[in-house]
Every structure is written in C-alpha cells, then in structure tokens.
Amino acid sequence: MLNEFKKFALKGNVLDLAVGVIIGAAFGKIVSSLVDDIIMPLIGLLVGGVDFSKLSFPVGAATVKYGSFIQTVVDFLIIAFSIFLFVRFFNRFKRKEEEKKEETKADPKEELLREIRDLLKK
C-alpha cells in the first residue's frame, strides 16, 4: 500500500497540481492585497472619499458588510481575468505546437499514393 501511495504521490500530474495550488494561494493573497490596499482606496477617492471596507448597514442585530463583498468581487474578477489570460496563452502555444507536428507528419495514404505514382511512371 505504501508503494502504491508513493507511485500516486510522485506522478507528474499530482506534483504539478500541488505546485499549482500553492502558487494559486500565493497569487490570491497578492491580488487581495492589491485590491484592498491599492485599487479600492483609489476607487474610493474617485467616488468621493468612500472607504469600501467600512460600507455596511444594520439589519436587526446583524450587520451586512457589502463593502467587503465588493472588494471580494473585485478580487475574483482580477484572478479570473488573470487565469483567462494564462489559459489563452497556453492554448495558443499548444495550438502552434500541434500545427508544427501536423506539418511535419505526412499522411501515410498520401505517401503510399506518391510511391505508387512514382512506380507507375517508371
């Protein structure tokens, strides 16, 4: 069982996934700091000095903090757009690699037909 676990854990995909999760978490913290500390204060200044982190309204005994929600939505949009750009770049690179492989790979039927044509000419 231990050997099976080692084989599973040391597969390339599992390690890639683990690295991706760790980098993603760090990237999320960077984006959160960017939104909380730079973007939202600038937007607040443009809107008239509004501090989004303190926007809230009471509902009975509870407090609805919609400013914090707005910041989280901006976080999500930045992360989603970054992932979109990364996937788009990766797909474009992958597509170019596939086109190169298709160009170098000749169709076996065409090759056979060429050989037959050449034999008939002789």
N, C-alpha and C. Protein backbone atom coordinates (compact mmCIF):
# COMPACT_ATOMS: atom_id res chain seq x y z
N MET A 1 0.83 -1.19 0.00
CA MET A 1 0.00 0.00 0.00
C MET A 1 0.87 1.26 0.00
N LEU A 2 1.96 1.22 0.74
CA LEU A 2 2.88 2.36 0.80
C LEU A 2 3.51 2.62 -0.57
N ASN A 3 3.88 1.53 -1.26
CA ASN A 3 4.46 1.68 -2.59
C ASN A 3 3.46 2.28 -3.58
N GLU A 4 2.21 1.84 -3.49
CA GLU A 4 1.18 2.39 -4.36
C GLU A 4 0.98 3.88 -4.10
N PHE A 5 1.01 4.25 -2.81
CA PHE A 5 0.86 5.66 -2.47
C PHE A 5 2.02 6.48 -3.02
N LYS A 6 3.24 5.95 -2.91
CA LYS A 6 4.41 6.65 -3.45
C LYS A 6 4.27 6.86 -4.96
N LYS A 7 3.84 5.82 -5.67
CA LYS A 7 3.66 5.93 -7.12
C LYS A 7 2.62 7.01 -7.44
N PHE A 8 1.54 7.02 -6.68
CA PHE A 8 0.48 8.01 -6.91
C PHE A 8 0.97 9.42 -6.60
N ALA A 9 1.62 9.59 -5.45
CA ALA A 9 2.03 10.91 -5.00
C ALA A 9 3.16 11.49 -5.83
N LEU A 10 3.96 10.64 -6.43
CA LEU A 10 5.10 11.13 -7.19
C LEU A 10 4.83 11.21 -8.69
N LYS A 11 3.60 10.98 -9.10
CA LYS A 11 3.27 11.17 -10.51
C LYS A 11 3.41 12.64 -10.84
N GLY A 12 3.73 12.92 -12.08
CA GLY A 12 3.92 14.30 -12.51
C GLY A 12 2.69 15.16 -12.33
N ASN A 13 1.51 14.63 -12.63
CA ASN A 13 0.29 15.42 -12.54
C ASN A 13 -0.02 15.83 -11.11
N VAL A 14 0.21 14.95 -10.16
CA VAL A 14 -0.07 15.26 -8.76
C VAL A 14 0.87 16.35 -8.26
N LEU A 15 2.13 16.24 -8.60
CA LEU A 15 3.09 17.27 -8.19
C LEU A 15 2.77 18.60 -8.86
N ASP A 16 2.42 18.57 -10.14
CA ASP A 16 2.05 19.80 -10.84
C ASP A 16 0.84 20.45 -10.19
N LEU A 17 -0.13 19.62 -9.81
CA LEU A 17 -1.33 20.14 -9.16
C LEU A 17 -0.99 20.78 -7.82
N ALA A 18 -0.14 20.13 -7.05
CA ALA A 18 0.25 20.67 -5.75
C ALA A 18 0.96 22.01 -5.90
N VAL A 19 1.87 22.09 -6.85
CA VAL A 19 2.57 23.35 -7.10
C VAL A 19 1.58 24.42 -7.55
N GLY A 20 0.65 24.04 -8.41
CA GLY A 20 -0.36 24.99 -8.88
C GLY A 20 -1.22 25.53 -7.75
N VAL A 21 -1.61 24.66 -6.83
CA VAL A 21 -2.43 25.09 -5.69
C VAL A 21 -1.65 26.07 -4.80
N ILE A 22 -0.39 25.75 -4.53
CA ILE A 22 0.42 26.63 -3.69
C ILE A 22 0.64 27.99 -4.36
N ILE A 23 0.97 27.98 -5.64
CA ILE A 23 1.17 29.24 -6.35
C ILE A 23 -0.14 30.01 -6.44
N GLY A 24 -1.24 29.29 -6.66
CA GLY A 24 -2.55 29.94 -6.72
C GLY A 24 -2.92 30.62 -5.41
N ALA A 25 -2.63 29.97 -4.30
CA ALA A 25 -2.92 30.58 -3.00
C ALA A 25 -2.09 31.83 -2.78
N ALA A 26 -0.82 31.76 -3.15
CA ALA A 26 0.05 32.95 -3.01
C ALA A 26 -0.42 34.06 -3.93
N PHE A 27 -0.81 33.71 -5.15
CA PHE A 27 -1.30 34.70 -6.10
C PHE A 27 -2.59 35.34 -5.58
N GLY A 28 -3.45 34.55 -4.96
CA GLY A 28 -4.68 35.08 -4.38
C GLY A 28 -4.40 36.11 -3.29
N LYS A 29 -3.39 35.84 -2.47
CA LYS A 29 -3.03 36.80 -1.42
C LYS A 29 -2.49 38.09 -2.03
N ILE A 30 -1.71 37.97 -3.09
CA ILE A 30 -1.17 39.16 -3.75
C ILE A 30 -2.30 39.99 -4.34
N VAL A 31 -3.24 39.33 -5.00
CA VAL A 31 -4.37 40.05 -5.59
C VAL A 31 -5.23 40.68 -4.51
N SER A 32 -5.45 39.98 -3.41
CA SER A 32 -6.24 40.55 -2.31
C SER A 32 -5.58 41.81 -1.76
N SER A 33 -4.27 41.75 -1.59
CA SER A 33 -3.55 42.93 -1.11
C SER A 33 -3.63 44.07 -2.12
N LEU A 34 -3.50 43.73 -3.39
CA LEU A 34 -3.60 44.75 -4.45
C LEU A 34 -4.96 45.44 -4.41
N VAL A 35 -6.01 44.64 -4.30
CA VAL A 35 -7.36 45.21 -4.27
C VAL A 35 -7.60 45.99 -2.98
N ASP A 36 -7.28 45.39 -1.83
CA ASP A 36 -7.56 46.04 -0.54
C ASP A 36 -6.72 47.29 -0.31
N ASP A 37 -5.45 47.23 -0.69
CA ASP A 37 -4.53 48.31 -0.32
C ASP A 37 -4.29 49.35 -1.41
N ILE A 38 -4.59 49.02 -2.67
CA ILE A 38 -4.30 49.96 -3.75
C ILE A 38 -5.54 50.33 -4.57
N ILE A 39 -6.20 49.33 -5.13
CA ILE A 39 -7.30 49.62 -6.07
C ILE A 39 -8.51 50.23 -5.37
N MET A 40 -9.00 49.60 -4.31
CA MET A 40 -10.21 50.10 -3.66
C MET A 40 -10.01 51.48 -3.03
N PRO A 41 -8.88 51.78 -2.39
CA PRO A 41 -8.70 53.15 -1.90
C PRO A 41 -8.69 54.19 -3.02
N LEU A 42 -8.09 53.82 -4.17
CA LEU A 42 -8.10 54.76 -5.30
C LEU A 42 -9.52 54.96 -5.84
N ILE A 43 -10.27 53.87 -5.95
CA ILE A 43 -11.67 53.98 -6.39
C ILE A 43 -12.46 54.80 -5.38
N GLY A 44 -12.20 54.57 -4.10
CA GLY A 44 -12.87 55.33 -3.05
C GLY A 44 -12.59 56.82 -3.17
N LEU A 45 -11.35 57.19 -3.48
CA LEU A 45 -11.01 58.60 -3.67
C LEU A 45 -11.74 59.20 -4.86
N LEU A 46 -11.82 58.42 -5.95
CA LEU A 46 -12.50 58.90 -7.15
C LEU A 46 -14.00 59.08 -6.92
N VAL A 47 -14.57 58.27 -6.04
CA VAL A 47 -16.00 58.32 -5.77
C VAL A 47 -16.34 59.37 -4.71
N GLY A 48 -15.35 59.92 -4.11
CA GLY A 48 -15.62 60.97 -3.13
C GLY A 48 -15.16 60.62 -1.73
N GLY A 49 -14.09 59.88 -1.61
CA GLY A 49 -13.54 59.56 -0.30
C GLY A 49 -14.25 58.44 0.43
N VAL A 50 -14.86 57.52 -0.30
CA VAL A 50 -15.58 56.40 0.32
C VAL A 50 -14.59 55.29 0.68
N ASP A 51 -14.68 54.79 1.90
CA ASP A 51 -13.87 53.65 2.34
C ASP A 51 -14.72 52.40 2.19
N PHE A 52 -14.45 51.62 1.15
CA PHE A 52 -15.29 50.46 0.85
C PHE A 52 -15.26 49.41 1.95
N SER A 53 -14.15 49.30 2.65
CA SER A 53 -14.06 48.26 3.67
C SER A 53 -15.01 48.52 4.83
N LYS A 54 -15.49 49.75 5.00
CA LYS A 54 -16.37 50.08 6.12
C LYS A 54 -17.84 50.25 5.68
N LEU A 55 -18.12 50.03 4.41
CA LEU A 55 -19.51 50.16 3.95
C LEU A 55 -20.34 49.01 4.50
N SER A 56 -21.40 49.35 5.21
CA SER A 56 -22.26 48.33 5.80
C SER A 56 -23.59 48.98 6.20
N PHE A 57 -24.56 48.14 6.47
CA PHE A 57 -25.82 48.63 7.02
C PHE A 57 -26.37 47.60 7.99
N PRO A 58 -27.01 48.07 9.05
CA PRO A 58 -27.54 47.14 10.06
C PRO A 58 -28.88 46.55 9.62
N VAL A 59 -29.06 45.28 9.93
CA VAL A 59 -30.32 44.58 9.71
C VAL A 59 -30.63 43.86 11.01
N GLY A 60 -31.43 44.49 11.83
CA GLY A 60 -31.72 43.93 13.15
C GLY A 60 -30.45 43.93 13.97
N ALA A 61 -30.09 42.76 14.48
CA ALA A 61 -28.88 42.65 15.29
C ALA A 61 -27.64 42.37 14.44
N ALA A 62 -27.83 42.07 13.15
CA ALA A 62 -26.72 41.74 12.26
C ALA A 62 -26.28 42.97 11.47
N THR A 63 -25.09 42.90 10.91
CA THR A 63 -24.56 43.96 10.07
C THR A 63 -24.16 43.36 8.73
N VAL A 64 -24.70 43.92 7.66
CA VAL A 64 -24.38 43.46 6.31
C VAL A 64 -23.23 44.32 5.79
N LYS A 65 -22.07 43.69 5.57
CA LYS A 65 -20.87 44.40 5.14
C LYS A 65 -20.74 44.27 3.62
N TYR A 66 -21.47 45.09 2.88
CA TYR A 66 -21.45 44.98 1.43
C TYR A 66 -20.18 45.57 0.82
N GLY A 67 -19.48 46.42 1.53
CA GLY A 67 -18.20 46.95 1.04
C GLY A 67 -17.15 45.85 0.93
N SER A 68 -17.11 44.99 1.92
CA SER A 68 -16.20 43.84 1.90
C SER A 68 -16.55 42.90 0.75
N PHE A 69 -17.85 42.74 0.51
CA PHE A 69 -18.30 41.90 -0.61
C PHE A 69 -17.84 42.50 -1.94
N ILE A 70 -17.94 43.81 -2.09
CA ILE A 70 -17.49 44.47 -3.33
C ILE A 70 -16.00 44.21 -3.54
N GLN A 71 -15.20 44.31 -2.47
CA GLN A 71 -13.77 44.03 -2.58
C GLN A 71 -13.50 42.59 -3.00
N THR A 72 -14.26 41.67 -2.46
CA THR A 72 -14.10 40.26 -2.81
C THR A 72 -14.46 40.02 -4.27
N VAL A 73 -15.49 40.68 -4.77
CA VAL A 73 -15.88 40.55 -6.18
C VAL A 73 -14.77 41.09 -7.08
N VAL A 74 -14.17 42.21 -6.71
CA VAL A 74 -13.06 42.75 -7.50
C VAL A 74 -11.88 41.78 -7.47
N ASP A 75 -11.59 41.18 -6.31
CA ASP A 75 -10.55 40.14 -6.22
C ASP A 75 -10.83 39.03 -7.23
N PHE A 76 -12.05 38.52 -7.19
CA PHE A 76 -12.43 37.42 -8.08
C PHE A 76 -12.26 37.81 -9.54
N LEU A 77 -12.71 39.00 -9.92
CA LEU A 77 -12.61 39.42 -11.31
C LEU A 77 -11.16 39.50 -11.78
N ILE A 78 -10.28 40.01 -10.93
CA ILE A 78 -8.87 40.10 -11.30
C ILE A 78 -8.26 38.71 -11.44
N ILE A 79 -8.54 37.83 -10.50
CA ILE A 79 -8.00 36.47 -10.57
C ILE A 79 -8.57 35.73 -11.78
N ALA A 80 -9.87 35.84 -12.03
CA ALA A 80 -10.49 35.16 -13.16
C ALA A 80 -9.90 35.67 -14.48
N PHE A 81 -9.69 36.97 -14.59
CA PHE A 81 -9.12 37.53 -15.82
C PHE A 81 -7.68 37.06 -16.00
N SER A 82 -6.93 36.99 -14.92
CA SER A 82 -5.54 36.51 -14.99
C SER A 82 -5.50 35.06 -15.45
N ILE A 83 -6.36 34.24 -14.90
CA ILE A 83 -6.42 32.83 -15.31
C ILE A 83 -6.84 32.71 -16.76
N PHE A 84 -7.80 33.53 -17.18
CA PHE A 84 -8.23 33.53 -18.58
C PHE A 84 -7.06 33.84 -19.50
N LEU A 85 -6.27 34.87 -19.16
CA LEU A 85 -5.12 35.23 -19.99
C LEU A 85 -4.10 34.10 -20.03
N PHE A 86 -3.84 33.46 -18.88
CA PHE A 86 -2.89 32.36 -18.83
C PHE A 86 -3.36 31.19 -19.69
N VAL A 87 -4.62 30.80 -19.56
CA VAL A 87 -5.16 29.68 -20.34
C VAL A 87 -5.14 30.01 -21.83
N ARG A 88 -5.48 31.24 -22.17
CA ARG A 88 -5.47 31.66 -23.57
C ARG A 88 -4.06 31.58 -24.14
N PHE A 89 -3.07 32.06 -23.38
CA PHE A 89 -1.68 31.99 -23.82
C PHE A 89 -1.24 30.53 -23.98
N PHE A 90 -1.58 29.70 -23.00
CA PHE A 90 -1.20 28.29 -23.04
C PHE A 90 -1.84 27.58 -24.23
N ASN A 91 -3.13 27.84 -24.48
CA ASN A 91 -3.81 27.21 -25.62
C ASN A 91 -3.21 27.65 -26.94
N ARG A 92 -2.83 28.92 -27.04
CA ARG A 92 -2.22 29.41 -28.27
C ARG A 92 -0.88 28.72 -28.50
N PHE A 93 -0.09 28.58 -27.45
CA PHE A 93 1.20 27.90 -27.54
C PHE A 93 1.00 26.43 -27.92
N LYS A 94 0.02 25.79 -27.30
CA LYS A 94 -0.26 24.38 -27.56
C LYS A 94 -0.73 24.19 -29.01
N ARG A 95 -1.56 25.11 -29.49
CA ARG A 95 -2.07 25.04 -30.86
C ARG A 95 -0.92 25.15 -31.86
N LYS A 96 0.04 26.05 -31.61
CA LYS A 96 1.19 26.19 -32.51
C LYS A 96 2.02 24.93 -32.53
N GLU A 97 2.19 24.30 -31.37
CA GLU A 97 2.94 23.04 -31.31
C GLU A 97 2.24 21.95 -32.12
N GLU A 98 0.91 21.88 -32.02
CA GLU A 98 0.15 20.87 -32.76
C GLU A 98 0.24 21.12 -34.26
N GLU A 99 0.21 22.40 -34.67
CA GLU A 99 0.34 22.72 -36.09
C GLU A 99 1.70 22.31 -36.62
N LYS A 100 2.75 22.51 -35.83
CA LYS A 100 4.08 22.09 -36.25
C LYS A 100 4.14 20.58 -36.41
N LYS A 101 3.53 19.84 -35.48
CA LYS A 101 3.52 18.39 -35.57
C LYS A 101 2.76 17.92 -36.80
N GLU A 102 1.64 18.58 -37.11
CA GLU A 102 0.85 18.20 -38.28
C GLU A 102 1.60 18.49 -39.57
N GLU A 103 2.35 19.59 -39.60
CA GLU A 103 3.12 19.93 -40.79
C GLU A 103 4.22 18.92 -41.04
N THR A 104 4.87 18.47 -39.99
CA THR A 104 5.97 17.53 -40.14
C THR A 104 5.48 16.11 -40.40
N LYS A 105 4.28 15.81 -39.95
CA LYS A 105 3.75 14.47 -40.10
C LYS A 105 3.02 14.37 -41.45
N ALA A 106 3.50 13.52 -42.34
CA ALA A 106 2.85 13.32 -43.63
C ALA A 106 1.78 12.24 -43.49
N ASP A 107 0.73 12.38 -44.26
CA ASP A 107 -0.34 11.39 -44.25
C ASP A 107 0.17 10.11 -44.90
N PRO A 108 0.05 8.94 -44.23
CA PRO A 108 0.57 7.70 -44.81
C PRO A 108 -0.10 7.33 -46.13
N LYS A 109 -1.37 7.67 -46.29
CA LYS A 109 -2.06 7.37 -47.54
C LYS A 109 -1.46 8.18 -48.68
N GLU A 110 -1.19 9.44 -48.42
CA GLU A 110 -0.60 10.29 -49.46
C GLU A 110 0.78 9.77 -49.83
N GLU A 111 1.54 9.37 -48.85
CA GLU A 111 2.88 8.84 -49.11
C GLU A 111 2.80 7.57 -49.96
N LEU A 112 1.87 6.70 -49.64
CA LEU A 112 1.69 5.47 -50.41
C LEU A 112 1.27 5.79 -51.84
N LEU A 113 0.36 6.74 -52.00
CA LEU A 113 -0.06 7.13 -53.35
C LEU A 113 1.09 7.73 -54.14
N ARG A 114 1.93 8.47 -53.50
CA ARG A 114 3.11 9.03 -54.20
C ARG A 114 4.03 7.91 -54.67
N GLU A 115 4.24 6.92 -53.82
CA GLU A 115 5.11 5.80 -54.19
C GLU A 115 4.52 5.04 -55.39
N ILE A 116 3.20 4.81 -55.35
CA ILE A 116 2.55 4.12 -56.45
C ILE A 116 2.68 4.94 -57.73
N ARG A 117 2.47 6.24 -57.63
CA ARG A 117 2.60 7.12 -58.80
C ARG A 117 4.02 7.04 -59.38
N ASP A 118 5.00 7.10 -58.50
CA ASP A 118 6.38 7.04 -58.95
C ASP A 118 6.70 5.71 -59.61
N LEU A 119 6.16 4.61 -59.08
CA LEU A 119 6.37 3.30 -59.69
C LEU A 119 5.70 3.19 -61.06
N LEU A 120 4.51 3.78 -61.17
CA LEU A 120 3.80 3.76 -62.46
C LEU A 120 4.54 4.58 -63.53
N LYS A 121 5.16 5.64 -63.11
CA LYS A 121 5.91 6.48 -64.05
C LYS A 121 7.09 5.71 -64.62
N LYS A 122 7.71 4.85 -63.79
CA LYS A 122 8.85 4.09 -64.24
C LYS A 122 8.40 3.05 -65.22
